[in-house]
Amino acid sequence: MSNVLDTAKQHQIRALGTLGRSLREIEAATGVRRETVSAYLKAAGIPVRARGGRPRTWPPNPATRPEVSTDAPSPNPATTREVSTDPGPSRSPQTSACALYREVVVDALARGRNAMAIWQDLVD
């Protein structure tokens, strides 16, 4: 009996490693110990996850690049109608709490900002 895995098992380990599976997942799928799986993956040049992490790759995920923005790519106003802060007939005659910020909100909507971005600007 030899200490080398058959080629079918080696291919299976390499395929699962290429898909980014963890050593524990590969161990469960193949029945081969994690230490052995790690040795075969390292020999094949496939990055192995460090303890509690993912393989180190460059460049980082696109979400961590500086050009990411929370604004919509094109103007997409929250409403297509004109924004009204009038209390309307069913409300009490008091003015709206938003009336002070009407110009800021209308200007932001004209620039294509969404409601969450406008709210964040007002909070700041």
N, C-alpha and C. Protein backbone atom coordinates (compact mmCIF):
# COMPACT_ATOMS: atom_id res chain seq x y z
N MET A 1 0.84 -1.17 0.00
CA MET A 1 0.00 0.00 0.00
C MET A 1 0.89 1.24 0.00
N SER A 2 0.54 2.21 -0.82
CA SER A 2 1.40 3.39 -0.93
C SER A 2 0.79 4.58 -0.19
N ASN A 3 1.60 5.60 -0.03
CA ASN A 3 1.16 6.80 0.66
C ASN A 3 0.73 7.90 -0.29
N VAL A 4 0.55 7.59 -1.55
CA VAL A 4 0.15 8.57 -2.56
C VAL A 4 -1.30 8.33 -2.92
N LEU A 5 -2.08 9.41 -3.00
CA LEU A 5 -3.48 9.28 -3.39
C LEU A 5 -3.58 8.95 -4.87
N ASP A 6 -4.65 8.24 -5.23
CA ASP A 6 -4.84 7.95 -6.65
C ASP A 6 -5.15 9.25 -7.41
N THR A 7 -4.97 9.24 -8.71
CA THR A 7 -5.11 10.47 -9.51
C THR A 7 -6.52 11.04 -9.46
N ALA A 8 -7.52 10.18 -9.37
CA ALA A 8 -8.90 10.69 -9.31
C ALA A 8 -9.11 11.54 -8.06
N LYS A 9 -8.59 11.08 -6.90
CA LYS A 9 -8.70 11.84 -5.65
C LYS A 9 -7.91 13.14 -5.75
N GLN A 10 -6.71 13.09 -6.36
CA GLN A 10 -5.90 14.28 -6.51
C GLN A 10 -6.62 15.33 -7.35
N HIS A 11 -7.23 14.90 -8.45
CA HIS A 11 -7.98 15.81 -9.31
C HIS A 11 -9.17 16.42 -8.56
N GLN A 12 -9.85 15.59 -7.77
CA GLN A 12 -10.99 16.07 -7.00
C GLN A 12 -10.54 17.12 -5.99
N ILE A 13 -9.44 16.88 -5.31
CA ILE A 13 -8.92 17.83 -4.32
C ILE A 13 -8.54 19.14 -5.00
N ARG A 14 -7.83 19.04 -6.14
CA ARG A 14 -7.42 20.25 -6.85
C ARG A 14 -8.63 21.04 -7.35
N ALA A 15 -9.65 20.33 -7.83
CA ALA A 15 -10.85 21.01 -8.35
C ALA A 15 -11.57 21.75 -7.22
N LEU A 16 -11.73 21.10 -6.08
CA LEU A 16 -12.40 21.75 -4.95
C LEU A 16 -11.56 22.91 -4.41
N GLY A 17 -10.24 22.75 -4.41
CA GLY A 17 -9.36 23.83 -3.96
C GLY A 17 -9.42 25.03 -4.89
N THR A 18 -9.51 24.77 -6.19
CA THR A 18 -9.62 25.84 -7.17
C THR A 18 -10.92 26.60 -7.01
N LEU A 19 -11.98 25.91 -6.60
CA LEU A 19 -13.26 26.57 -6.36
C LEU A 19 -13.28 27.39 -5.08
N GLY A 20 -12.19 27.31 -4.28
CA GLY A 20 -12.11 28.11 -3.07
C GLY A 20 -12.71 27.45 -1.85
N ARG A 21 -12.93 26.15 -1.90
CA ARG A 21 -13.49 25.45 -0.74
C ARG A 21 -12.48 25.41 0.39
N SER A 22 -12.97 25.36 1.61
CA SER A 22 -12.08 25.29 2.76
C SER A 22 -11.55 23.87 2.90
N LEU A 23 -10.49 23.75 3.70
CA LEU A 23 -9.90 22.42 3.91
C LEU A 23 -10.90 21.48 4.57
N ARG A 24 -11.71 22.00 5.47
CA ARG A 24 -12.71 21.15 6.13
C ARG A 24 -13.76 20.66 5.14
N GLU A 25 -14.17 21.56 4.23
CA GLU A 25 -15.16 21.15 3.22
C GLU A 25 -14.59 20.08 2.30
N ILE A 26 -13.33 20.24 1.91
CA ILE A 26 -12.69 19.25 1.05
C ILE A 26 -12.53 17.93 1.80
N GLU A 27 -12.18 18.02 3.08
CA GLU A 27 -12.05 16.80 3.89
C GLU A 27 -13.38 16.06 3.96
N ALA A 28 -14.47 16.79 4.15
CA ALA A 28 -15.78 16.15 4.25
C ALA A 28 -16.20 15.53 2.91
N ALA A 29 -15.85 16.19 1.81
CA ALA A 29 -16.26 15.69 0.50
C ALA A 29 -15.43 14.51 0.03
N THR A 30 -14.15 14.47 0.39
CA THR A 30 -13.26 13.43 -0.15
C THR A 30 -12.90 12.35 0.85
N GLY A 31 -12.99 12.66 2.15
CA GLY A 31 -12.58 11.69 3.15
C GLY A 31 -11.08 11.70 3.38
N VAL A 32 -10.38 12.70 2.85
CA VAL A 32 -8.93 12.82 3.01
C VAL A 32 -8.67 13.88 4.08
N ARG A 33 -7.70 13.62 4.96
CA ARG A 33 -7.41 14.54 6.06
C ARG A 33 -7.02 15.92 5.55
N ARG A 34 -7.33 16.96 6.36
CA ARG A 34 -7.05 18.35 5.99
C ARG A 34 -5.56 18.57 5.73
N GLU A 35 -4.72 17.98 6.54
CA GLU A 35 -3.28 18.16 6.39
C GLU A 35 -2.80 17.64 5.04
N THR A 36 -3.34 16.49 4.63
CA THR A 36 -2.98 15.90 3.34
C THR A 36 -3.51 16.76 2.20
N VAL A 37 -4.74 17.22 2.34
CA VAL A 37 -5.35 18.08 1.32
C VAL A 37 -4.52 19.34 1.16
N SER A 38 -4.10 19.94 2.28
CA SER A 38 -3.30 21.15 2.24
C SER A 38 -1.99 20.92 1.50
N ALA A 39 -1.35 19.79 1.76
CA ALA A 39 -0.08 19.49 1.09
C ALA A 39 -0.27 19.35 -0.42
N TYR A 40 -1.34 18.68 -0.85
CA TYR A 40 -1.58 18.52 -2.29
C TYR A 40 -1.92 19.86 -2.96
N LEU A 41 -2.68 20.70 -2.27
CA LEU A 41 -3.02 21.99 -2.85
C LEU A 41 -1.80 22.89 -2.97
N LYS A 42 -0.95 22.89 -1.93
CA LYS A 42 0.26 23.71 -1.98
C LYS A 42 1.19 23.21 -3.09
N ALA A 43 1.29 21.90 -3.27
CA ALA A 43 2.14 21.34 -4.32
C ALA A 43 1.62 21.71 -5.71
N ALA A 44 0.31 21.89 -5.82
CA ALA A 44 -0.29 22.25 -7.12
C ALA A 44 -0.28 23.76 -7.34
N GLY A 45 0.17 24.53 -6.34
CA GLY A 45 0.23 25.99 -6.47
C GLY A 45 -1.11 26.67 -6.25
N ILE A 46 -2.04 25.99 -5.61
CA ILE A 46 -3.36 26.55 -5.34
C ILE A 46 -3.32 27.18 -3.95
N PRO A 47 -3.73 28.45 -3.81
CA PRO A 47 -3.67 29.09 -2.49
C PRO A 47 -4.57 28.39 -1.49
N VAL A 48 -4.05 28.23 -0.30
CA VAL A 48 -4.78 27.56 0.79
C VAL A 48 -5.16 28.62 1.80
N ARG A 49 -6.38 28.55 2.28
CA ARG A 49 -6.81 29.51 3.28
C ARG A 49 -5.98 29.37 4.54
N ALA A 50 -5.59 30.52 5.09
CA ALA A 50 -4.92 30.50 6.38
C ALA A 50 -5.97 30.23 7.44
N ARG A 51 -5.54 29.93 8.63
CA ARG A 51 -6.48 29.63 9.70
C ARG A 51 -7.42 30.81 9.90
N GLY A 52 -8.73 30.59 9.74
CA GLY A 52 -9.73 31.62 9.95
C GLY A 52 -9.77 32.70 8.89
N GLY A 53 -9.30 32.43 7.69
CA GLY A 53 -9.31 33.47 6.68
C GLY A 53 -9.43 32.93 5.27
N ARG A 54 -9.25 33.81 4.33
CA ARG A 54 -9.30 33.45 2.92
C ARG A 54 -7.90 33.57 2.34
N PRO A 55 -7.67 32.95 1.18
CA PRO A 55 -6.35 33.09 0.58
C PRO A 55 -6.07 34.55 0.24
N ARG A 56 -4.84 34.96 0.41
CA ARG A 56 -4.45 36.34 0.12
C ARG A 56 -4.31 36.50 -1.39
N THR A 57 -5.11 37.37 -1.96
CA THR A 57 -5.04 37.63 -3.39
C THR A 57 -5.01 39.13 -3.62
N TRP A 58 -4.47 39.52 -4.73
CA TRP A 58 -4.44 40.92 -5.12
C TRP A 58 -4.93 41.02 -6.53
N PRO A 59 -5.75 41.96 -6.90
CA PRO A 59 -6.22 43.11 -6.16
C PRO A 59 -7.37 42.73 -5.23
N PRO A 60 -7.67 43.59 -4.27
CA PRO A 60 -8.78 43.30 -3.35
C PRO A 60 -10.11 43.33 -4.08
N ASN A 61 -11.16 42.95 -3.38
CA ASN A 61 -12.49 42.96 -3.97
C ASN A 61 -12.84 44.34 -4.49
N PRO A 62 -13.63 44.42 -5.57
CA PRO A 62 -14.00 45.72 -6.10
C PRO A 62 -14.71 46.62 -5.09
N ALA A 63 -15.36 46.07 -4.11
CA ALA A 63 -16.09 46.88 -3.14
C ALA A 63 -15.15 47.68 -2.25
N THR A 64 -13.87 47.32 -2.21
CA THR A 64 -12.94 48.04 -1.36
C THR A 64 -12.13 49.07 -2.13
N ARG A 65 -12.39 49.24 -3.41
CA ARG A 65 -11.64 50.22 -4.20
C ARG A 65 -12.19 51.62 -3.93
N PRO A 66 -11.36 52.65 -4.06
CA PRO A 66 -11.78 54.00 -3.71
C PRO A 66 -12.85 54.59 -4.63
N GLU A 67 -13.01 54.08 -5.84
CA GLU A 67 -13.98 54.68 -6.75
C GLU A 67 -15.42 54.24 -6.49
N VAL A 68 -15.67 53.45 -5.45
CA VAL A 68 -17.02 53.00 -5.13
C VAL A 68 -17.82 54.17 -4.57
N SER A 69 -19.06 54.32 -5.02
CA SER A 69 -19.91 55.41 -4.59
C SER A 69 -21.27 54.86 -4.21
N THR A 70 -21.92 55.50 -3.26
CA THR A 70 -23.26 55.07 -2.87
C THR A 70 -24.32 55.76 -3.69
N ASP A 71 -23.91 56.72 -4.52
CA ASP A 71 -24.87 57.43 -5.36
C ASP A 71 -25.25 56.57 -6.56
N ALA A 72 -26.44 56.82 -7.08
CA ALA A 72 -26.89 56.12 -8.28
C ALA A 72 -26.01 56.54 -9.45
N PRO A 73 -25.72 55.62 -10.40
CA PRO A 73 -24.85 55.96 -11.52
C PRO A 73 -25.45 57.02 -12.44
N SER A 74 -26.75 57.05 -12.55
CA SER A 74 -27.40 58.06 -13.38
C SER A 74 -28.51 58.71 -12.56
N PRO A 75 -28.91 59.91 -12.94
CA PRO A 75 -29.98 60.56 -12.17
C PRO A 75 -31.24 59.69 -12.16
N ASN A 76 -31.67 59.34 -10.97
CA ASN A 76 -32.86 58.52 -10.80
C ASN A 76 -33.62 59.08 -9.60
N PRO A 77 -34.36 60.16 -9.81
CA PRO A 77 -35.03 60.78 -8.67
C PRO A 77 -36.03 59.85 -8.00
N ALA A 78 -36.23 60.07 -6.72
CA ALA A 78 -37.15 59.23 -5.96
C ALA A 78 -38.58 59.40 -6.43
N THR A 79 -38.92 60.58 -6.90
CA THR A 79 -40.27 60.82 -7.40
C THR A 79 -40.19 61.54 -8.73
N THR A 80 -41.22 61.41 -9.53
CA THR A 80 -41.26 62.11 -10.81
C THR A 80 -42.09 63.38 -10.70
N ARG A 81 -42.86 63.50 -9.64
CA ARG A 81 -43.68 64.69 -9.44
C ARG A 81 -42.90 65.73 -8.65
N GLU A 82 -43.41 66.94 -8.66
CA GLU A 82 -42.83 68.01 -7.86
C GLU A 82 -43.05 67.70 -6.38
N VAL A 83 -42.05 67.90 -5.56
CA VAL A 83 -42.14 67.63 -4.13
C VAL A 83 -42.94 68.74 -3.48
N SER A 84 -43.89 68.35 -2.65
CA SER A 84 -44.73 69.34 -1.98
C SER A 84 -44.63 69.15 -0.48
N THR A 85 -44.42 70.26 0.21
CA THR A 85 -44.40 70.22 1.68
C THR A 85 -45.67 70.85 2.25
N ASP A 86 -46.63 71.12 1.38
CA ASP A 86 -47.90 71.68 1.85
C ASP A 86 -48.59 70.67 2.75
N PRO A 87 -49.19 71.13 3.84
CA PRO A 87 -49.81 70.19 4.77
C PRO A 87 -51.01 69.48 4.19
N GLY A 88 -51.70 70.03 3.21
CA GLY A 88 -52.85 69.37 2.62
C GLY A 88 -54.09 69.55 3.46
N PRO A 89 -55.25 69.20 2.93
CA PRO A 89 -56.50 69.44 3.63
C PRO A 89 -56.70 68.55 4.85
N SER A 90 -56.12 67.32 4.87
CA SER A 90 -56.39 66.41 5.97
C SER A 90 -55.49 66.66 7.18
N ARG A 91 -54.43 67.46 7.01
CA ARG A 91 -53.51 67.69 8.11
C ARG A 91 -53.91 68.93 8.91
N SER A 92 -53.29 69.02 10.06
CA SER A 92 -53.53 70.20 10.87
C SER A 92 -52.86 71.40 10.20
N PRO A 93 -53.23 72.62 10.53
CA PRO A 93 -52.69 73.80 9.86
C PRO A 93 -51.22 74.10 10.19
N GLN A 94 -50.55 73.27 10.99
CA GLN A 94 -49.14 73.49 11.30
C GLN A 94 -48.28 73.20 10.07
N THR A 95 -47.13 73.82 10.02
CA THR A 95 -46.23 73.57 8.90
C THR A 95 -45.48 72.25 9.11
N SER A 96 -45.00 71.71 8.01
CA SER A 96 -44.28 70.45 8.06
C SER A 96 -42.91 70.65 8.70
N ALA A 97 -42.42 69.63 9.36
CA ALA A 97 -41.08 69.68 9.96
C ALA A 97 -40.02 69.71 8.87
N CYS A 98 -40.36 69.25 7.67
CA CYS A 98 -39.42 69.21 6.55
C CYS A 98 -39.39 70.51 5.77
N ALA A 99 -40.29 71.43 6.06
CA ALA A 99 -40.39 72.67 5.29
C ALA A 99 -39.09 73.47 5.34
N LEU A 100 -38.36 73.39 6.44
CA LEU A 100 -37.10 74.12 6.56
C LEU A 100 -36.05 73.62 5.56
N TYR A 101 -36.16 72.37 5.16
CA TYR A 101 -35.15 71.75 4.30
C TYR A 101 -35.64 71.56 2.87
N ARG A 102 -36.73 72.18 2.51
CA ARG A 102 -37.33 71.99 1.19
C ARG A 102 -36.35 72.27 0.06
N GLU A 103 -35.64 73.39 0.11
CA GLU A 103 -34.72 73.75 -0.97
C GLU A 103 -33.58 72.74 -1.08
N VAL A 104 -33.08 72.28 0.04
CA VAL A 104 -31.99 71.29 0.02
C VAL A 104 -32.48 69.99 -0.61
N VAL A 105 -33.67 69.53 -0.24
CA VAL A 105 -34.22 68.28 -0.76
C VAL A 105 -34.50 68.40 -2.26
N VAL A 106 -35.12 69.49 -2.68
CA VAL A 106 -35.43 69.68 -4.10
C VAL A 106 -34.15 69.74 -4.92
N ASP A 107 -33.13 70.45 -4.41
CA ASP A 107 -31.85 70.54 -5.12
C ASP A 107 -31.19 69.17 -5.24
N ALA A 108 -31.23 68.39 -4.16
CA ALA A 108 -30.62 67.05 -4.18
C ALA A 108 -31.36 66.13 -5.14
N LEU A 109 -32.68 66.21 -5.17
CA LEU A 109 -33.46 65.40 -6.11
C LEU A 109 -33.14 65.77 -7.55
N ALA A 110 -32.92 67.05 -7.81
CA ALA A 110 -32.57 67.49 -9.16
C ALA A 110 -31.21 66.95 -9.57
N ARG A 111 -30.32 66.73 -8.59
CA ARG A 111 -29.00 66.18 -8.89
C ARG A 111 -29.01 64.66 -8.97
N GLY A 112 -30.16 64.03 -8.73
CA GLY A 112 -30.27 62.58 -8.85
C GLY A 112 -29.96 61.82 -7.58
N ARG A 113 -29.91 62.47 -6.44
CA ARG A 113 -29.62 61.78 -5.18
C ARG A 113 -30.85 60.98 -4.74
N ASN A 114 -30.62 59.86 -4.11
CA ASN A 114 -31.75 59.07 -3.61
C ASN A 114 -32.09 59.50 -2.18
N ALA A 115 -33.19 58.96 -1.66
CA ALA A 115 -33.70 59.39 -0.37
C ALA A 115 -32.71 59.13 0.76
N MET A 116 -32.03 57.99 0.73
CA MET A 116 -31.08 57.66 1.79
C MET A 116 -29.90 58.63 1.77
N ALA A 117 -29.40 58.98 0.59
CA ALA A 117 -28.27 59.91 0.50
C ALA A 117 -28.68 61.30 0.98
N ILE A 118 -29.90 61.73 0.64
CA ILE A 118 -30.40 63.03 1.08
C ILE A 118 -30.51 63.05 2.61
N TRP A 119 -31.05 61.97 3.16
CA TRP A 119 -31.20 61.89 4.61
C TRP A 119 -29.83 61.96 5.30
N GLN A 120 -28.83 61.23 4.74
CA GLN A 120 -27.49 61.26 5.32
C GLN A 120 -26.89 62.66 5.26
N ASP A 121 -27.12 63.36 4.15
CA ASP A 121 -26.63 64.74 4.03
C ASP A 121 -27.28 65.64 5.09
N LEU A 122 -28.58 65.47 5.29
CA LEU A 122 -29.28 66.30 6.28
C LEU A 122 -28.81 65.99 7.70
N VAL A 123 -28.55 64.73 7.99
CA VAL A 123 -28.07 64.36 9.32
C VAL A 123 -26.69 64.94 9.58
N ASP A 124 -25.82 64.88 8.54
CA ASP A 124 -24.48 65.45 8.69
C ASP A 124 -24.56 66.93 8.92
